[in-house]
Amino acid sequence: MASKRATQRNAKPSKSRSTVRVRAKKAAVRRSAPVKARAAPAKARPKQKFMVHRFSEQGFKIDGLRTYARYRDLGVKDATHGQAIAHVIRFLPPCDPKVVSKNHFHDVDFQMIYVLKGWLKSEFGDGHGTHTMKAGDAWLQPPRIQHKVLDYSDDCEVLEIVLPGDFDTVELEK
């Protein structure tokens, strides 16, 4: 037994666990990407206001982008100091394709639409084709994507959220 211990002491020492950890850590540091300089701090945005917007039929107004729809502003534009807008759009029946089917795009950073009631049929550029969106469906329209409304149900309502709150619409057809 004593000779076995002596043999173990005289044998080449094995690497300790701490040595292995240190070497692994150094290797990981060598493999990691170099630290990039920090970007300039983002421009401070105005503090958003807490708000609650209660439903009212009188809240639907014909003062939005399209004459064939009523818009109910949800107060987001004021609360975010124009960073975003959110409104419910209620399409007026009956749909007249001669009026609604005009190719256009919006100069926005973000535009998301969610169908609350009914259905809406639209055509999108960039090879995205024609889609009929039904209650519960949502879609994201990338900035400046060409599109047009082709048809909608008599009860169609959508929620639209857009950034920024003020944006341009470019009509491509008259």
C-alpha atoms as a PDB file:
ATOM      1  CA  MET A   1       0.000   0.000   0.000  1.00  0.00           C
ATOM      2  CA  ALA A   2       2.849   2.375   0.876  1.00  0.00           C
ATOM      3  CA  SER A   3       4.580   1.658  -2.396  1.00  0.00           C
ATOM      4  CA  LYS A   4       1.370   2.454  -4.301  1.00  0.00           C
ATOM      5  CA  ARG A   5       1.171   5.900  -2.641  1.00  0.00           C
ATOM      6  CA  ALA A   6       4.824   6.590  -3.376  1.00  0.00           C
ATOM      7  CA  THR A   7       4.285   5.691  -7.023  1.00  0.00           C
ATOM      8  CA  GLN A   8       1.339   8.094  -7.217  1.00  0.00           C
ATOM      9  CA  ARG A   9       3.437  10.911  -5.641  1.00  0.00           C
ATOM     10  CA  ASN A  10       6.302  10.369  -8.067  1.00  0.00           C
ATOM     11  CA  ALA A  11       4.034  10.197 -11.122  1.00  0.00           C
ATOM     12  CA  LYS A  12       3.583  13.218 -13.346  1.00  0.00           C
ATOM     13  CA  PRO A  13       1.109  15.507 -11.568  1.00  0.00           C
ATOM     14  CA  SER A  14      -2.305  15.861 -13.229  1.00  0.00           C
ATOM     15  CA  LYS A  15      -3.710  19.281 -13.960  1.00  0.00           C
ATOM     16  CA  SER A  16      -5.759  20.658 -11.153  1.00  0.00           C
ATOM     17  CA  ARG A  17      -9.331  21.713 -11.804  1.00  0.00           C
ATOM     18  CA  SER A  18      -8.505  25.365 -11.154  1.00  0.00           C
ATOM     19  CA  THR A  19      -5.749  25.302 -13.808  1.00  0.00           C
ATOM     20  CA  VAL A  20      -8.168  23.836 -16.361  1.00  0.00           C
ATOM     21  CA  ARG A  21     -10.773  26.510 -15.539  1.00  0.00           C
ATOM     22  CA  VAL A  22      -8.261  29.353 -15.909  1.00  0.00           C
ATOM     23  CA  ARG A  23      -7.095  28.051 -19.292  1.00  0.00           C
ATOM     24  CA  ALA A  24     -10.682  27.591 -20.504  1.00  0.00           C
ATOM     25  CA  LYS A  25     -11.529  31.110 -19.421  1.00  0.00           C
ATOM     26  CA  LYS A  26      -8.493  32.573 -21.259  1.00  0.00           C
ATOM     27  CA  ALA A  27      -9.458  30.633 -24.402  1.00  0.00           C
ATOM     28  CA  ALA A  28     -13.008  31.954 -24.202  1.00  0.00           C
ATOM     29  CA  VAL A  29     -11.701  35.507 -23.887  1.00  0.00           C
ATOM     30  CA  ARG A  30      -9.518  35.008 -26.979  1.00  0.00           C
ATOM     31  CA  ARG A  31     -12.520  33.666 -28.949  1.00  0.00           C
ATOM     32  CA  SER A  32     -14.852  36.484 -27.968  1.00  0.00           C
ATOM     33  CA  ALA A  33     -15.406  39.440 -30.252  1.00  0.00           C
ATOM     34  CA  PRO A  34     -13.547  42.635 -29.482  1.00  0.00           C
ATOM     35  CA  VAL A  35     -15.459  45.120 -27.361  1.00  0.00           C
ATOM     36  CA  LYS A  36     -17.041  47.792 -29.544  1.00  0.00           C
ATOM     37  CA  ALA A  37     -17.098  51.416 -28.587  1.00  0.00           C
ATOM     38  CA  ARG A  38     -20.404  52.470 -27.091  1.00  0.00           C
ATOM     39  CA  ALA A  39     -22.834  54.212 -29.407  1.00  0.00           C
ATOM     40  CA  ALA A  40     -23.858  57.748 -28.672  1.00  0.00           C
ATOM     41  CA  PRO A  41     -26.756  57.840 -26.228  1.00  0.00           C
ATOM     42  CA  ALA A  42     -30.167  57.862 -27.890  1.00  0.00           C
ATOM     43  CA  LYS A  43     -31.965  61.154 -28.108  1.00  0.00           C
ATOM     44  CA  ALA A  44     -34.189  61.539 -25.082  1.00  0.00           C
ATOM     45  CA  ARG A  45     -37.848  61.055 -25.940  1.00  0.00           C
ATOM     46  CA  PRO A  46     -40.565  63.039 -24.230  1.00  0.00           C
ATOM     47  CA  LYS A  47     -42.150  61.247 -21.319  1.00  0.00           C
ATOM     48  CA  GLN A  48     -45.375  59.513 -22.286  1.00  0.00           C
ATOM     49  CA  LYS A  49     -48.552  60.408 -20.446  1.00  0.00           C
ATOM     50  CA  PHE A  50     -50.867  57.912 -18.822  1.00  0.00           C
ATOM     51  CA  MET A  51     -54.229  57.997 -20.562  1.00  0.00           C
ATOM     52  CA  VAL A  52     -57.508  56.147 -20.764  1.00  0.00           C
ATOM     53  CA  HIS A  53     -59.786  56.534 -23.758  1.00  0.00           C
ATOM     54  CA  ARG A  54     -63.404  55.507 -23.221  1.00  0.00           C
ATOM     55  CA  PHE A  55     -65.627  54.226 -26.011  1.00  0.00           C
ATOM     56  CA  SER A  56     -68.173  56.592 -27.488  1.00  0.00           C
ATOM     57  CA  GLU A  57     -70.065  56.364 -30.780  1.00  0.00           C
ATOM     58  CA  GLN A  58     -69.538  60.105 -31.120  1.00  0.00           C
ATOM     59  CA  GLY A  59     -65.778  59.431 -31.133  1.00  0.00           C
ATOM     60  CA  PHE A  60     -65.988  58.214 -34.754  1.00  0.00           C
ATOM     61  CA  LYS A  61     -65.324  61.155 -37.053  1.00  0.00           C
ATOM     62  CA  ILE A  62     -64.964  61.673 -40.789  1.00  0.00           C
ATOM     63  CA  ASP A  63     -61.705  63.568 -40.389  1.00  0.00           C
ATOM     64  CA  GLY A  64     -59.184  60.877 -41.288  1.00  0.00           C
ATOM     65  CA  LEU A  65     -57.277  59.935 -44.384  1.00  0.00           C
ATOM     66  CA  ARG A  66     -60.149  58.265 -46.265  1.00  0.00           C
ATOM     67  CA  THR A  67     -63.619  59.609 -47.072  1.00  0.00           C
ATOM     68  CA  TYR A  68     -65.080  56.094 -46.976  1.00  0.00           C
ATOM     69  CA  ALA A  69     -64.163  55.570 -43.314  1.00  0.00           C
ATOM     70  CA  ARG A  70     -64.762  57.031 -39.870  1.00  0.00           C
ATOM     71  CA  TYR A  71     -61.809  57.265 -37.504  1.00  0.00           C
ATOM     72  CA  ARG A  72     -61.852  57.016 -33.729  1.00  0.00           C
ATOM     73  CA  ASP A  73     -58.633  58.441 -32.328  1.00  0.00           C
ATOM     74  CA  LEU A  74     -57.562  56.565 -29.187  1.00  0.00           C
ATOM     75  CA  GLY A  75     -55.500  59.421 -27.713  1.00  0.00           C
ATOM     76  CA  VAL A  76     -52.127  57.738 -28.244  1.00  0.00           C
ATOM     77  CA  LYS A  77     -50.756  60.518 -30.451  1.00  0.00           C
ATOM     78  CA  ASP A  78     -51.199  63.145 -27.737  1.00  0.00           C
ATOM     79  CA  ALA A  79     -50.009  60.831 -24.961  1.00  0.00           C
ATOM     80  CA  THR A  80     -46.799  59.974 -26.879  1.00  0.00           C
ATOM     81  CA  HIS A  81     -46.154  63.526 -28.149  1.00  0.00           C
ATOM     82  CA  GLY A  82     -46.606  62.297 -31.728  1.00  0.00           C
ATOM     83  CA  GLN A  83     -44.372  59.228 -31.500  1.00  0.00           C
ATOM     84  CA  ALA A  84     -47.302  56.950 -32.442  1.00  0.00           C
ATOM     85  CA  ILE A  85     -50.946  57.033 -33.384  1.00  0.00           C
ATOM     86  CA  ALA A  86     -53.623  54.433 -32.735  1.00  0.00           C
ATOM     87  CA  HIS A  87     -57.139  54.591 -34.070  1.00  0.00           C
ATOM     88  CA  VAL A  88     -60.098  52.414 -34.858  1.00  0.00           C
ATOM     89  CA  ILE A  89     -61.186  52.704 -38.483  1.00  0.00           C
ATOM     90  CA  ARG A  90     -64.826  51.919 -39.260  1.00  0.00           C
ATOM     91  CA  PHE A  91     -65.365  51.478 -43.001  1.00  0.00           C
ATOM     92  CA  LEU A  92     -68.596  52.978 -44.344  1.00  0.00           C
ATOM     93  CA  PRO A  93     -70.886  50.681 -46.343  1.00  0.00           C
ATOM     94  CA  PRO A  94     -71.289  49.877 -49.101  1.00  0.00           C
ATOM     95  CA  CYS A  95     -67.779  49.465 -50.462  1.00  0.00           C
ATOM     96  CA  ASP A  96     -67.292  51.235 -53.794  1.00  0.00           C
ATOM     97  CA  PRO A  97     -64.153  49.845 -55.482  1.00  0.00           C
ATOM     98  CA  LYS A  98     -63.970  52.929 -57.754  1.00  0.00           C
ATOM     99  CA  VAL A  99     -63.387  55.018 -54.626  1.00  0.00           C
ATOM    100  CA  VAL A 100     -61.413  52.683 -52.353  1.00  0.00           C
ATOM    101  CA  SER A 101     -59.176  50.776 -54.780  1.00  0.00           C
ATOM    102  CA  LYS A 102     -56.386  53.334 -55.203  1.00  0.00           C
ATOM    103  CA  ASN A 103     -52.773  52.166 -55.037  1.00  0.00           C
ATOM    104  CA  HIS A 104     -50.804  54.108 -52.386  1.00  0.00           C
ATOM    105  CA  PHE A 105     -48.198  53.811 -49.653  1.00  0.00           C
ATOM    106  CA  HIS A 106     -47.535  55.382 -46.273  1.00  0.00           C
ATOM    107  CA  ASP A 107     -44.190  56.915 -45.351  1.00  0.00           C
ATOM    108  CA  VAL A 108     -43.995  55.349 -41.875  1.00  0.00           C
ATOM    109  CA  ASP A 109     -41.578  53.491 -39.608  1.00  0.00           C
ATOM    110  CA  PHE A 110     -44.173  50.965 -38.409  1.00  0.00           C
ATOM    111  CA  GLN A 111     -47.765  50.108 -39.337  1.00  0.00           C
ATOM    112  CA  MET A 112     -49.787  47.260 -37.837  1.00  0.00           C
ATOM    113  CA  ILE A 113     -53.445  46.561 -38.511  1.00  0.00           C
ATOM    114  CA  TYR A 114     -55.765  44.246 -36.552  1.00  0.00           C
ATOM    115  CA  VAL A 115     -59.284  43.388 -37.776  1.00  0.00           C
ATOM    116  CA  LEU A 116     -61.807  43.903 -34.988  1.00  0.00           C
ATOM    117  CA  LYS A 117     -65.004  43.097 -36.954  1.00  0.00           C
ATOM    118  CA  GLY A 118     -65.908  41.945 -40.429  1.00  0.00           C
ATOM    119  CA  TRP A 119     -63.341  41.474 -43.185  1.00  0.00           C
ATOM    120  CA  LEU A 120     -61.120  43.515 -45.484  1.00  0.00           C
ATOM    121  CA  LYS A 121     -59.606  42.474 -48.817  1.00  0.00           C
ATOM    122  CA  SER A 122     -56.371  44.223 -49.834  1.00  0.00           C
ATOM    123  CA  GLU A 123     -53.685  43.865 -52.455  1.00  0.00           C
ATOM    124  CA  PHE A 124     -50.018  44.348 -51.517  1.00  0.00           C
ATOM    125  CA  GLY A 125     -46.981  45.075 -53.687  1.00  0.00           C
ATOM    126  CA  ASP A 126     -43.532  43.487 -53.549  1.00  0.00           C
ATOM    127  CA  GLY A 127     -45.030  40.119 -54.545  1.00  0.00           C
ATOM    128  CA  HIS A 128     -47.190  39.772 -51.413  1.00  0.00           C
ATOM    129  CA  GLY A 129     -50.433  39.392 -53.392  1.00  0.00           C
ATOM    130  CA  THR A 130     -54.066  39.700 -52.363  1.00  0.00           C
ATOM    131  CA  HIS A 131     -55.253  38.831 -48.853  1.00  0.00           C
ATOM    132  CA  THR A 132     -58.657  38.784 -47.187  1.00  0.00           C
ATOM    133  CA  MET A 133     -58.217  39.585 -43.507  1.00  0.00           C
ATOM    134  CA  LYS A 134     -61.004  38.530 -41.137  1.00  0.00           C
ATOM    135  CA  ALA A 135     -61.866  39.422 -37.544  1.00  0.00           C
ATOM    136  CA  GLY A 136     -58.927  38.416 -35.362  1.00  0.00           C
ATOM    137  CA  ASP A 137     -56.355  38.648 -38.184  1.00  0.00           C
ATOM    138  CA  ALA A 138     -53.453  41.090 -38.014  1.00  0.00           C
ATOM    139  CA  TRP A 139     -50.716  42.155 -40.382  1.00  0.00           C
ATOM    140  CA  LEU A 140     -47.644  44.306 -40.465  1.00  0.00           C
ATOM    141  CA  GLN A 141     -47.211  46.579 -43.455  1.00  0.00           C
ATOM    142  CA  PRO A 142     -43.525  47.302 -43.980  1.00  0.00           C
ATOM    143  CA  PRO A 143     -42.651  50.982 -44.522  1.00  0.00           C
ATOM    144  CA  ARG A 144     -43.663  52.293 -47.948  1.00  0.00           C
ATOM    145  CA  ILE A 145     -45.235  49.032 -49.176  1.00  0.00           C
ATOM    146  CA  GLN A 146     -47.673  49.726 -51.999  1.00  0.00           C
ATOM    147  CA  HIS A 147     -51.192  48.525 -51.292  1.00  0.00           C
ATOM    148  CA  LYS A 148     -54.851  49.146 -51.967  1.00  0.00           C
ATOM    149  CA  VAL A 149     -58.170  48.139 -50.455  1.00  0.00           C
ATOM    150  CA  LEU A 150     -60.202  46.037 -52.872  1.00  0.00           C
ATOM    151  CA  ASP A 151     -63.324  45.338 -50.813  1.00  0.00           C
ATOM    152  CA  TYR A 152     -64.645  45.215 -47.248  1.00  0.00           C
ATOM    153  CA  SER A 153     -67.688  43.984 -45.359  1.00  0.00           C
ATOM    154  CA  ASP A 154     -70.426  46.384 -44.294  1.00  0.00           C
ATOM    155  CA  ASP A 155     -69.391  45.941 -40.627  1.00  0.00           C
ATOM    156  CA  CYS A 156     -65.603  46.178 -41.103  1.00  0.00           C
ATOM    157  CA  GLU A 157     -63.605  47.780 -38.271  1.00  0.00           C
ATOM    158  CA  VAL A 158     -59.832  47.682 -37.811  1.00  0.00           C
ATOM    159  CA  LEU A 159     -57.372  48.884 -35.202  1.00  0.00           C
ATOM    160  CA  GLU A 160     -54.358  50.580 -36.749  1.00  0.00           C
ATOM    161  CA  ILE A 161     -51.148  51.517 -34.921  1.00  0.00           C
ATOM    162  CA  VAL A 162     -48.610  53.660 -36.776  1.00  0.00           C
ATOM    163  CA  LEU A 163     -45.240  55.212 -35.954  1.00  0.00           C
ATOM    164  CA  PRO A 164     -44.703  58.117 -36.155  1.00  0.00           C
ATOM    165  CA  GLY A 165     -48.025  59.754 -35.347  1.00  0.00           C
ATOM    166  CA  ASP A 166     -47.708  62.168 -38.252  1.00  0.00           C
ATOM    167  CA  PHE A 167     -46.943  60.531 -41.568  1.00  0.00           C
ATOM    168  CA  ASP A 168     -47.392  61.125 -45.274  1.00  0.00           C
ATOM    169  CA  THR A 169     -49.520  59.037 -47.616  1.00  0.00           C
ATOM    170  CA  VAL A 170     -48.442  58.963 -51.250  1.00  0.00           C
ATOM    171  CA  GLU A 171     -51.273  58.340 -53.704  1.00  0.00           C
ATOM    172  CA  LEU A 172     -50.091  56.408 -56.769  1.00  0.00           C
ATOM    173  CA  GLU A 173     -53.481  56.517 -58.570  1.00  0.00           C
ATOM    174  CA  LYS A 174     -56.111  59.204 -58.903  1.00  0.00           C
END
